[in-house]
Structure formats: structure tokens, C-alpha cells
PDB file of all heavy atoms in Angstrom:
ATOM      1  N   PHE A   1    -149.483  36.052 -35.447  1.00  0.00           N
ATOM      2  CA  PHE A   1    -150.912  36.536 -35.152  1.00  0.00           C
ATOM      3  C   PHE A   1    -150.936  38.061 -35.441  1.00  0.00           C
ATOM      4  O   PHE A   1    -152.006  38.515 -35.916  1.00  0.00           O
ATOM      5  CB  PHE A   1    -151.185  36.290 -33.647  1.00  0.00           C
ATOM      6  CG  PHE A   1    -151.231  34.825 -33.269  1.00  0.00           C
ATOM      7  CD1 PHE A   1    -150.143  34.348 -32.451  1.00  0.00           C
ATOM      8  CD2 PHE A   1    -152.183  34.042 -33.701  1.00  0.00           C
ATOM      9  CE1 PHE A   1    -150.120  33.002 -32.157  1.00  0.00           C
ATOM     10  CE2 PHE A   1    -152.193  32.644 -33.225  1.00  0.00           C
ATOM     11  CZ  PHE A   1    -151.181  32.153 -32.503  1.00  0.00           C
ATOM     12  N   GLY A   2    -149.856  38.833 -35.201  1.00  0.00           N
ATOM     13  CA  GLY A   2    -149.933  40.185 -35.495  1.00  0.00           C
ATOM     14  C   GLY A   2    -149.968  40.536 -37.033  1.00  0.00           C
ATOM     15  O   GLY A   2    -150.621  41.462 -37.401  1.00  0.00           O
ATOM     16  N   ARG A   3    -149.342  39.574 -37.822  1.00  0.00           N
ATOM     17  CA  ARG A   3    -149.485  39.818 -39.299  1.00  0.00           C
ATOM     18  C   ARG A   3    -150.791  39.487 -39.869  1.00  0.00           C
ATOM     19  O   ARG A   3    -151.362  40.184 -40.669  1.00  0.00           O
ATOM     20  CB  ARG A   3    -148.439  38.866 -39.952  1.00  0.00           C
ATOM     21  CG  ARG A   3    -146.962  39.244 -39.625  1.00  0.00           C
ATOM     22  CD  ARG A   3    -146.023  38.405 -40.426  1.00  0.00           C
ATOM     23  NE  ARG A   3    -144.656  38.659 -39.999  1.00  0.00           N
ATOM     24  CZ  ARG A   3    -143.897  37.999 -39.116  1.00  0.00           C
ATOM     25  NH1 ARG A   3    -144.451  36.797 -38.577  1.00  0.00           N
ATOM     26  NH2 ARG A   3    -142.705  38.365 -38.789  1.00  0.00           N
ATOM     27  N   VAL A   4    -151.474  38.501 -39.154  1.00  0.00           N
ATOM     28  CA  VAL A   4    -152.928  38.201 -39.582  1.00  0.00           C
ATOM     29  C   VAL A   4    -153.722  39.323 -39.178  1.00  0.00           C
ATOM     30  O   VAL A   4    -154.635  39.841 -39.965  1.00  0.00           O
ATOM     31  CB  VAL A   4    -153.346  36.903 -38.896  1.00  0.00           C
ATOM     32  CG1 VAL A   4    -154.825  36.641 -39.185  1.00  0.00           C
ATOM     33  CG2 VAL A   4    -152.538  35.710 -39.410  1.00  0.00           C
ATOM     34  N   TRP A   5    -153.546  39.935 -37.992  1.00  0.00           N
ATOM     35  CA  TRP A   5    -154.392  41.114 -37.550  1.00  0.00           C
ATOM     36  C   TRP A   5    -154.127  42.246 -38.569  1.00  0.00           C
ATOM     37  O   TRP A   5    -155.172  42.909 -38.884  1.00  0.00           O
ATOM     38  CB  TRP A   5    -153.857  41.476 -36.054  1.00  0.00           C
ATOM     39  CG  TRP A   5    -154.515  42.772 -35.660  1.00  0.00           C
ATOM     40  CD1 TRP A   5    -155.738  42.792 -34.967  1.00  0.00           C
ATOM     41  CD2 TRP A   5    -154.145  44.054 -35.770  1.00  0.00           C
ATOM     42  NE1 TRP A   5    -155.958  44.160 -34.721  1.00  0.00           N
ATOM     43  CE2 TRP A   5    -155.042  44.970 -35.146  1.00  0.00           C
ATOM     44  CE3 TRP A   5    -152.952  44.689 -36.286  1.00  0.00           C
ATOM     45  CZ2 TRP A   5    -154.881  46.288 -35.061  1.00  0.00           C
ATOM     46  CZ3 TRP A   5    -152.755  46.021 -36.299  1.00  0.00           C
ATOM     47  CH2 TRP A   5    -153.740  46.818 -35.711  1.00  0.00           C
ATOM     48  N   LEU A   6    -152.906  42.520 -38.945  1.00  0.00           N
ATOM     49  CA  LEU A   6    -152.702  43.599 -39.806  1.00  0.00           C
ATOM     50  C   LEU A   6    -153.379  43.385 -41.206  1.00  0.00           C
ATOM     51  O   LEU A   6    -153.941  44.342 -41.719  1.00  0.00           O
ATOM     52  CB  LEU A   6    -151.127  43.762 -40.035  1.00  0.00           C
ATOM     53  CG  LEU A   6    -150.732  44.941 -40.894  1.00  0.00           C
ATOM     54  CD1 LEU A   6    -151.075  46.229 -40.311  1.00  0.00           C
ATOM     55  CD2 LEU A   6    -149.178  44.878 -41.111  1.00  0.00           C
ATOM     56  N   SER A   7    -153.421  42.170 -41.617  1.00  0.00           N
ATOM     57  CA  SER A   7    -154.097  41.859 -42.921  1.00  0.00           C
ATOM     58  C   SER A   7    -155.540  42.096 -42.813  1.00  0.00           C
ATOM     59  O   SER A   7    -156.131  42.666 -43.674  1.00  0.00           O
ATOM     60  CB  SER A   7    -153.833  40.351 -43.320  1.00  0.00           C
ATOM     61  OG  SER A   7    -152.447  40.155 -43.521  1.00  0.00           O
ATOM     62  N   VAL A   8    -156.188  41.644 -41.641  1.00  0.00           N
ATOM     63  CA  VAL A   8    -157.652  41.859 -41.455  1.00  0.00           C
ATOM     64  C   VAL A   8    -157.984  43.349 -41.399  1.00  0.00           C
ATOM     65  O   VAL A   8    -158.869  43.769 -41.979  1.00  0.00           O
ATOM     66  CB  VAL A   8    -158.069  41.233 -40.178  1.00  0.00           C
ATOM     67  CG1 VAL A   8    -159.488  41.470 -39.831  1.00  0.00           C
ATOM     68  CG2 VAL A   8    -157.913  39.670 -40.280  1.00  0.00           C
ATOM     69  N   VAL A   9    -157.135  44.107 -40.627  1.00  0.00           N
ATOM     70  CA  VAL A   9    -157.325  45.596 -40.473  1.00  0.00           C
ATOM     71  C   VAL A   9    -157.158  46.262 -41.849  1.00  0.00           C
ATOM     72  O   VAL A   9    -158.070  47.087 -42.234  1.00  0.00           O
ATOM     73  CB  VAL A   9    -156.398  46.211 -39.477  1.00  0.00           C
ATOM     74  CG1 VAL A   9    -156.408  47.709 -39.547  1.00  0.00           C
ATOM     75  CG2 VAL A   9    -156.756  45.742 -38.039  1.00  0.00           C
ATOM     76  N   PHE A  10    -156.152  45.914 -42.621  1.00  0.00           N
ATOM     77  CA  PHE A  10    -155.908  46.612 -43.845  1.00  0.00           C
ATOM     78  C   PHE A  10    -156.882  46.218 -44.971  1.00  0.00           C
ATOM     79  O   PHE A  10    -157.412  47.171 -45.653  1.00  0.00           O
ATOM     80  CB  PHE A  10    -154.454  46.344 -44.314  1.00  0.00           C
ATOM     81  CG  PHE A  10    -154.146  46.984 -45.593  1.00  0.00           C
ATOM     82  CD1 PHE A  10    -154.013  48.424 -45.691  1.00  0.00           C
ATOM     83  CD2 PHE A  10    -153.943  46.344 -46.809  1.00  0.00           C
ATOM     84  CE1 PHE A  10    -153.571  49.008 -46.819  1.00  0.00           C
ATOM     85  CE2 PHE A  10    -153.695  46.926 -47.981  1.00  0.00           C
ATOM     86  CZ  PHE A  10    -153.493  48.260 -48.023  1.00  0.00           C
ATOM     87  N   ILE A  11    -157.171  44.950 -45.103  1.00  0.00           N
ATOM     88  CA  ILE A  11    -158.050  44.461 -46.219  1.00  0.00           C
ATOM     89  C   ILE A  11    -159.471  44.576 -45.848  1.00  0.00           C
ATOM     90  O   ILE A  11    -160.259  45.147 -46.676  1.00  0.00           O
ATOM     91  CB  ILE A  11    -157.680  43.024 -46.521  1.00  0.00           C
ATOM     92  CG1 ILE A  11    -156.216  42.949 -47.124  1.00  0.00           C
ATOM     93  CG2 ILE A  11    -158.546  42.476 -47.693  1.00  0.00           C
ATOM     94  CD1 ILE A  11    -155.703  41.521 -47.342  1.00  0.00           C
ATOM     95  N   PHE A  12    -159.914  44.011 -44.736  1.00  0.00           N
ATOM     96  CA  PHE A  12    -161.327  43.939 -44.445  1.00  0.00           C
ATOM     97  C   PHE A  12    -161.840  45.135 -43.664  1.00  0.00           C
ATOM     98  O   PHE A  12    -163.088  45.273 -43.488  1.00  0.00           O
ATOM     99  CB  PHE A  12    -161.562  42.664 -43.637  1.00  0.00           C
ATOM    100  CG  PHE A  12    -161.275  41.414 -44.378  1.00  0.00           C
ATOM    101  CD1 PHE A  12    -160.049  40.732 -44.116  1.00  0.00           C
ATOM    102  CD2 PHE A  12    -162.115  40.935 -45.385  1.00  0.00           C
ATOM    103  CE1 PHE A  12    -159.855  39.533 -44.806  1.00  0.00           C
ATOM    104  CE2 PHE A  12    -161.863  39.827 -46.054  1.00  0.00           C
ATOM    105  CZ  PHE A  12    -160.694  39.071 -45.844  1.00  0.00           C
ATOM    106  N   ARG A  13    -160.966  46.036 -43.173  1.00  0.00           N
ATOM    107  CA  ARG A  13    -161.507  47.157 -42.513  1.00  0.00           C
ATOM    108  C   ARG A  13    -161.141  48.469 -43.190  1.00  0.00           C
ATOM    109  O   ARG A  13    -162.072  49.287 -43.546  1.00  0.00           O
ATOM    110  CB  ARG A  13    -161.057  47.243 -41.039  1.00  0.00           C
ATOM    111  CG  ARG A  13    -161.603  46.103 -40.235  1.00  0.00           C
ATOM    112  CD  ARG A  13    -161.053  45.987 -38.866  1.00  0.00           C
ATOM    113  NE  ARG A  13    -161.528  47.153 -38.026  1.00  0.00           N
ATOM    114  CZ  ARG A  13    -161.185  47.235 -36.760  1.00  0.00           C
ATOM    115  NH1 ARG A  13    -160.443  46.390 -36.146  1.00  0.00           N
ATOM    116  NH2 ARG A  13    -161.578  48.283 -36.034  1.00  0.00           N
ATOM    117  N   LEU A  14    -159.935  48.727 -43.429  1.00  0.00           N
ATOM    118  CA  LEU A  14    -159.496  49.998 -44.071  1.00  0.00           C
ATOM    119  C   LEU A  14    -159.966  50.164 -45.509  1.00  0.00           C
ATOM    120  O   LEU A  14    -160.585  51.125 -45.847  1.00  0.00           O
ATOM    121  CB  LEU A  14    -158.026  50.141 -43.956  1.00  0.00           C
ATOM    122  CG  LEU A  14    -157.335  51.458 -44.503  1.00  0.00           C
ATOM    123  CD1 LEU A  14    -157.946  52.658 -43.755  1.00  0.00           C
ATOM    124  CD2 LEU A  14    -155.919  51.439 -44.363  1.00  0.00           C
ATOM    125  N   LEU A  15    -159.707  49.102 -46.341  1.00  0.00           N
ATOM    126  CA  LEU A  15    -160.062  49.083 -47.668  1.00  0.00           C
ATOM    127  C   LEU A  15    -161.582  49.209 -47.891  1.00  0.00           C
ATOM    128  O   LEU A  15    -162.163  49.878 -48.721  1.00  0.00           O
ATOM    129  CB  LEU A  15    -159.449  47.972 -48.461  1.00  0.00           C
ATOM    130  CG  LEU A  15    -157.899  48.053 -48.715  1.00  0.00           C
ATOM    131  CD1 LEU A  15    -157.519  46.845 -49.530  1.00  0.00           C
ATOM    132  CD2 LEU A  15    -157.520  49.344 -49.375  1.00  0.00           C
ATOM    133  N   VAL A  16    -162.319  48.429 -47.134  1.00  0.00           N
ATOM    134  CA  VAL A  16    -163.773  48.374 -47.146  1.00  0.00           C
ATOM    135  C   VAL A  16    -164.288  49.786 -46.774  1.00  0.00           C
ATOM    136  O   VAL A  16    -165.222  50.296 -47.409  1.00  0.00           O
ATOM    137  CB  VAL A  16    -164.383  47.290 -46.306  1.00  0.00           C
ATOM    138  CG1 VAL A  16    -165.837  47.416 -46.191  1.00  0.00           C
ATOM    139  CG2 VAL A  16    -164.058  45.840 -46.877  1.00  0.00           C
ATOM    140  N   TYR A  17    -163.612  50.323 -45.768  1.00  0.00           N
ATOM    141  CA  TYR A  17    -164.119  51.679 -45.386  1.00  0.00           C
ATOM    142  C   TYR A  17    -163.864  52.720 -46.484  1.00  0.00           C
ATOM    143  O   TYR A  17    -164.744  53.484 -46.811  1.00  0.00           O
ATOM    144  CB  TYR A  17    -163.309  52.055 -44.088  1.00  0.00           C
ATOM    145  CG  TYR A  17    -163.404  53.513 -43.673  1.00  0.00           C
ATOM    146  CD1 TYR A  17    -164.495  54.006 -42.923  1.00  0.00           C
ATOM    147  CD2 TYR A  17    -162.481  54.460 -44.069  1.00  0.00           C
ATOM    148  CE1 TYR A  17    -164.698  55.313 -42.591  1.00  0.00           C
ATOM    149  CE2 TYR A  17    -162.634  55.834 -43.693  1.00  0.00           C
ATOM    150  CZ  TYR A  17    -163.663  56.198 -43.040  1.00  0.00           C
ATOM    151  OH  TYR A  17    -163.872  57.577 -42.658  1.00  0.00           O
ATOM    152  N   LEU A  18    -162.629  52.670 -47.044  1.00  0.00           N
ATOM    153  CA  LEU A  18    -162.363  53.700 -48.031  1.00  0.00           C
ATOM    154  C   LEU A  18    -163.084  53.465 -49.421  1.00  0.00           C
ATOM    155  O   LEU A  18    -163.529  54.487 -50.087  1.00  0.00           O
ATOM    156  CB  LEU A  18    -160.845  53.648 -48.384  1.00  0.00           C
ATOM    157  CG  LEU A  18    -159.892  54.108 -47.170  1.00  0.00           C
ATOM    158  CD1 LEU A  18    -158.488  53.865 -47.541  1.00  0.00           C
ATOM    159  CD2 LEU A  18    -160.124  55.607 -46.834  1.00  0.00           C
ATOM    160  N   VAL A  19    -163.229  52.184 -49.822  1.00  0.00           N
ATOM    161  CA  VAL A  19    -163.827  51.866 -51.171  1.00  0.00           C
ATOM    162  C   VAL A  19    -165.293  51.877 -51.140  1.00  0.00           C
ATOM    163  O   VAL A  19    -165.927  52.469 -52.072  1.00  0.00           O
ATOM    164  CB  VAL A  19    -163.234  50.481 -51.622  1.00  0.00           C
ATOM    165  CG1 VAL A  19    -163.855  50.153 -52.926  1.00  0.00           C
ATOM    166  CG2 VAL A  19    -161.740  50.623 -51.852  1.00  0.00           C
ATOM    167  N   ALA A  20    -165.988  51.356 -50.084  1.00  0.00           N
ATOM    168  CA  ALA A  20    -167.379  51.134 -50.193  1.00  0.00           C
ATOM    169  C   ALA A  20    -168.181  51.849 -49.095  1.00  0.00           C
ATOM    170  O   ALA A  20    -169.142  52.628 -49.316  1.00  0.00           O
ATOM    171  CB  ALA A  20    -167.650  49.661 -50.085  1.00  0.00           C
ATOM    172  N   ALA A  21    -167.764  51.664 -47.769  1.00  0.00           N
ATOM    173  CA  ALA A  21    -168.653  52.167 -46.666  1.00  0.00           C
ATOM    174  C   ALA A  21    -168.798  53.641 -46.706  1.00  0.00           C
ATOM    175  O   ALA A  21    -169.827  54.295 -46.417  1.00  0.00           O
ATOM    176  CB  ALA A  21    -168.009  51.676 -45.450  1.00  0.00           C
ATOM    177  N   GLU A  22    -167.722  54.354 -47.063  1.00  0.00           N
ATOM    178  CA  GLU A  22    -167.722  55.842 -47.042  1.00  0.00           C
ATOM    179  C   GLU A  22    -168.786  56.376 -48.035  1.00  0.00           C
ATOM    180  O   GLU A  22    -169.457  57.392 -47.750  1.00  0.00           O
ATOM    181  CB  GLU A  22    -166.305  56.409 -47.345  1.00  0.00           C
ATOM    182  CG  GLU A  22    -166.208  57.862 -46.953  1.00  0.00           C
ATOM    183  CD  GLU A  22    -164.775  58.320 -47.055  1.00  0.00           C
ATOM    184  OE1 GLU A  22    -163.906  57.611 -47.615  1.00  0.00           O
ATOM    185  OE2 GLU A  22    -164.502  59.423 -46.508  1.00  0.00           O
ATOM    186  N   LYS A  23    -168.873  55.652 -49.141  1.00  0.00           N
ATOM    187  CA  LYS A  23    -169.778  56.097 -50.215  1.00  0.00           C
ATOM    188  C   LYS A  23    -171.254  55.752 -49.742  1.00  0.00           C
ATOM    189  O   LYS A  23    -172.216  56.539 -50.145  1.00  0.00           O
ATOM    190  CB  LYS A  23    -169.507  55.418 -51.521  1.00  0.00           C
ATOM    191  CG  LYS A  23    -168.121  55.905 -52.119  1.00  0.00           C
ATOM    192  CD  LYS A  23    -167.923  55.158 -53.443  1.00  0.00           C
ATOM    193  CE  LYS A  23    -166.527  55.634 -54.029  1.00  0.00           C
ATOM    194  NZ  LYS A  23    -166.199  54.959 -55.262  1.00  0.00           N
ATOM    195  N   VAL A  24    -171.398  54.667 -49.061  1.00  0.00           N
ATOM    196  CA  VAL A  24    -172.820  54.283 -48.644  1.00  0.00           C
ATOM    197  C   VAL A  24    -173.373  55.337 -47.687  1.00  0.00           C
ATOM    198  O   VAL A  24    -174.553  55.697 -47.807  1.00  0.00           O
ATOM    199  CB  VAL A  24    -172.792  52.944 -48.019  1.00  0.00           C
ATOM    200  CG1 VAL A  24    -174.174  52.612 -47.397  1.00  0.00           C
ATOM    201  CG2 VAL A  24    -172.301  51.870 -49.028  1.00  0.00           C
ATOM    202  N   TRP A  25    -172.546  55.802 -46.851  1.00  0.00           N
ATOM    203  CA  TRP A  25    -173.034  56.865 -45.885  1.00  0.00           C
ATOM    204  C   TRP A  25    -172.898  58.252 -46.323  1.00  0.00           C
ATOM    205  O   TRP A  25    -173.176  59.226 -45.597  1.00  0.00           O
ATOM    206  CB  TRP A  25    -172.260  56.701 -44.547  1.00  0.00           C
ATOM    207  CG  TRP A  25    -172.989  55.707 -43.606  1.00  0.00           C
ATOM    208  CD1 TRP A  25    -173.853  56.106 -42.648  1.00  0.00           C
ATOM    209  CD2 TRP A  25    -172.830  54.353 -43.499  1.00  0.00           C
ATOM    210  NE1 TRP A  25    -174.300  54.991 -41.922  1.00  0.00           N
ATOM    211  CE2 TRP A  25    -173.629  53.879 -42.346  1.00  0.00           C
ATOM    212  CE3 TRP A  25    -171.995  53.387 -44.235  1.00  0.00           C
ATOM    213  CZ2 TRP A  25    -173.738  52.600 -42.101  1.00  0.00           C
ATOM    214  CZ3 TRP A  25    -172.144  52.095 -43.838  1.00  0.00           C
ATOM    215  CH2 TRP A  25    -173.003  51.684 -42.723  1.00  0.00           C
ATOM    216  N   SER A  26    -172.464  58.531 -47.564  1.00  0.00           N
ATOM    217  CA  SER A  26    -172.344  59.916 -48.001  1.00  0.00           C
ATOM    218  C   SER A  26    -173.625  60.679 -48.190  1.00  0.00           C
ATOM    219  O   SER A  26    -173.658  61.900 -48.126  1.00  0.00           O
ATOM    220  CB  SER A  26    -171.605  59.785 -49.452  1.00  0.00           C
ATOM    221  OG  SER A  26    -172.332  59.210 -50.404  1.00  0.00           O
ATOM    222  N   ASP A  27    -174.792  59.857 -48.332  1.00  0.00           N
ATOM    223  CA  ASP A  27    -176.013  60.671 -48.598  1.00  0.00           C
ATOM    224  C   ASP A  27    -176.939  60.426 -47.381  1.00  0.00           C
ATOM    225  O   ASP A  27    -178.149  60.596 -47.533  1.00  0.00           O
ATOM    226  CB  ASP A  27    -176.662  60.074 -49.876  1.00  0.00           C
ATOM    227  CG  ASP A  27    -176.918  58.639 -49.810  1.00  0.00           C
ATOM    228  OD1 ASP A  27    -176.402  57.979 -48.826  1.00  0.00           O
ATOM    229  OD2 ASP A  27    -177.651  58.059 -50.614  1.00  0.00           O
ATOM    230  N   ASP A  28    -176.405  60.059 -46.195  1.00  0.00           N
ATOM    231  CA  ASP A  28    -177.341  59.791 -45.102  1.00  0.00           C
ATOM    232  C   ASP A  28    -178.113  60.973 -44.634  1.00  0.00           C
ATOM    233  O   ASP A  28    -179.363  60.813 -44.320  1.00  0.00           O
ATOM    234  CB  ASP A  28    -176.543  59.118 -43.935  1.00  0.00           C
ATOM    235  CG  ASP A  28    -175.370  60.088 -43.469  1.00  0.00           C
ATOM    236  OD1 ASP A  28    -175.072  61.018 -44.234  1.00  0.00           O
ATOM    237  OD2 ASP A  28    -174.776  59.823 -42.372  1.00  0.00           O
ATOM    238  N   HIS A  29    -177.634  62.176 -44.610  1.00  0.00           N
ATOM    239  CA  HIS A  29    -178.263  63.333 -44.199  1.00  0.00           C
ATOM    240  C   HIS A  29    -179.275  63.847 -45.323  1.00  0.00           C
ATOM    241  O   HIS A  29    -180.427  64.210 -45.125  1.00  0.00           O
ATOM    242  CB  HIS A  29    -177.419  64.386 -43.711  1.00  0.00           C
ATOM    243  CG  HIS A  29    -178.088  65.608 -43.174  1.00  0.00           C
ATOM    244  ND1 HIS A  29    -178.442  66.769 -44.012  1.00  0.00           N
ATOM    245  CD2 HIS A  29    -178.538  65.886 -41.898  1.00  0.00           C
ATOM    246  CE1 HIS A  29    -179.064  67.601 -43.228  1.00  0.00           C
ATOM    247  NE2 HIS A  29    -179.196  67.209 -42.003  1.00  0.00           N
ATOM    248  N   LYS A  30    -178.701  63.813 -46.539  1.00  0.00           N
ATOM    249  CA  LYS A  30    -179.416  64.354 -47.674  1.00  0.00           C
ATOM    250  C   LYS A  30    -180.711  63.605 -47.922  1.00  0.00           C
ATOM    251  O   LYS A  30    -181.785  64.193 -48.211  1.00  0.00           O
ATOM    252  CB  LYS A  30    -178.535  64.400 -48.873  1.00  0.00           C
ATOM    253  CG  LYS A  30    -179.184  64.961 -50.168  1.00  0.00           C
ATOM    254  CD  LYS A  30    -178.292  64.940 -51.318  1.00  0.00           C
ATOM    255  CE  LYS A  30    -177.942  63.529 -51.743  1.00  0.00           C
ATOM    256  NZ  LYS A  30    -177.100  63.461 -52.913  1.00  0.00           N
ATOM    257  N   ASP A  31    -180.640  62.298 -47.768  1.00  0.00           N
ATOM    258  CA  ASP A  31    -181.763  61.388 -48.095  1.00  0.00           C
ATOM    259  C   ASP A  31    -182.615  60.948 -46.800  1.00  0.00           C
ATOM    260  O   ASP A  31    -183.362  60.001 -46.891  1.00  0.00           O
ATOM    261  CB  ASP A  31    -181.318  60.120 -48.858  1.00  0.00           C
ATOM    262  CG  ASP A  31    -180.761  60.484 -50.289  1.00  0.00           C
ATOM    263  OD1 ASP A  31    -181.165  61.550 -50.720  1.00  0.00           O
ATOM    264  OD2 ASP A  31    -180.004  59.695 -50.729  1.00  0.00           O
ATOM    265  N   PHE A  32    -182.342  61.606 -45.677  1.00  0.00           N
ATOM    266  CA  PHE A  32    -183.127  61.346 -44.503  1.00  0.00           C
ATOM    267  C   PHE A  32    -184.454  62.189 -44.644  1.00  0.00           C
ATOM    268  O   PHE A  32    -184.454  63.441 -44.444  1.00  0.00           O
ATOM    269  CB  PHE A  32    -182.333  61.687 -43.314  1.00  0.00           C
ATOM    270  CG  PHE A  32    -182.982  61.387 -41.984  1.00  0.00           C
ATOM    271  CD1 PHE A  32    -182.982  60.049 -41.565  1.00  0.00           C
ATOM    272  CD2 PHE A  32    -183.664  62.335 -41.291  1.00  0.00           C
ATOM    273  CE1 PHE A  32    -183.675  59.825 -40.252  1.00  0.00           C
ATOM    274  CE2 PHE A  32    -184.297  62.129 -40.060  1.00  0.00           C
ATOM    275  CZ  PHE A  32    -184.303  60.831 -39.591  1.00  0.00           C
ATOM    276  N   ASP A  33    -185.510  61.521 -45.032  1.00  0.00           N
ATOM    277  CA  ASP A  33    -186.767  62.219 -45.267  1.00  0.00           C
ATOM    278  C   ASP A  33    -187.738  62.070 -44.135  1.00  0.00           C
ATOM    279  O   ASP A  33    -187.924  60.926 -43.663  1.00  0.00           O
ATOM    280  CB  ASP A  33    -187.406  61.797 -46.531  1.00  0.00           C
ATOM    281  CG  ASP A  33    -186.545  62.157 -47.807  1.00  0.00           C
ATOM    282  OD1 ASP A  33    -185.921  63.195 -47.769  1.00  0.00           O
ATOM    283  OD2 ASP A  33    -186.507  61.359 -48.777  1.00  0.00           O
TER     284      ASP A  33
END
């Protein structure tokens, strides 16, 4: 169960955070009109 948890954290949370989510929120203040 711990190995499955580690896979979920690494693939579906950490990589999504680094690759996609961080870029989506990079302009949140600049484009808040």
C-alpha cells in the first residue's frame, strides 16, 4: 500500500504540480482584472 501511495504522490501530484499546475497559476495576479 505504501508503494502505491508513493506512486500516486510522485506521478499524480508531484509531476502534475511541476509540469502543469505551476504554469497554470503563474499568471494569476497579472491577469486578475
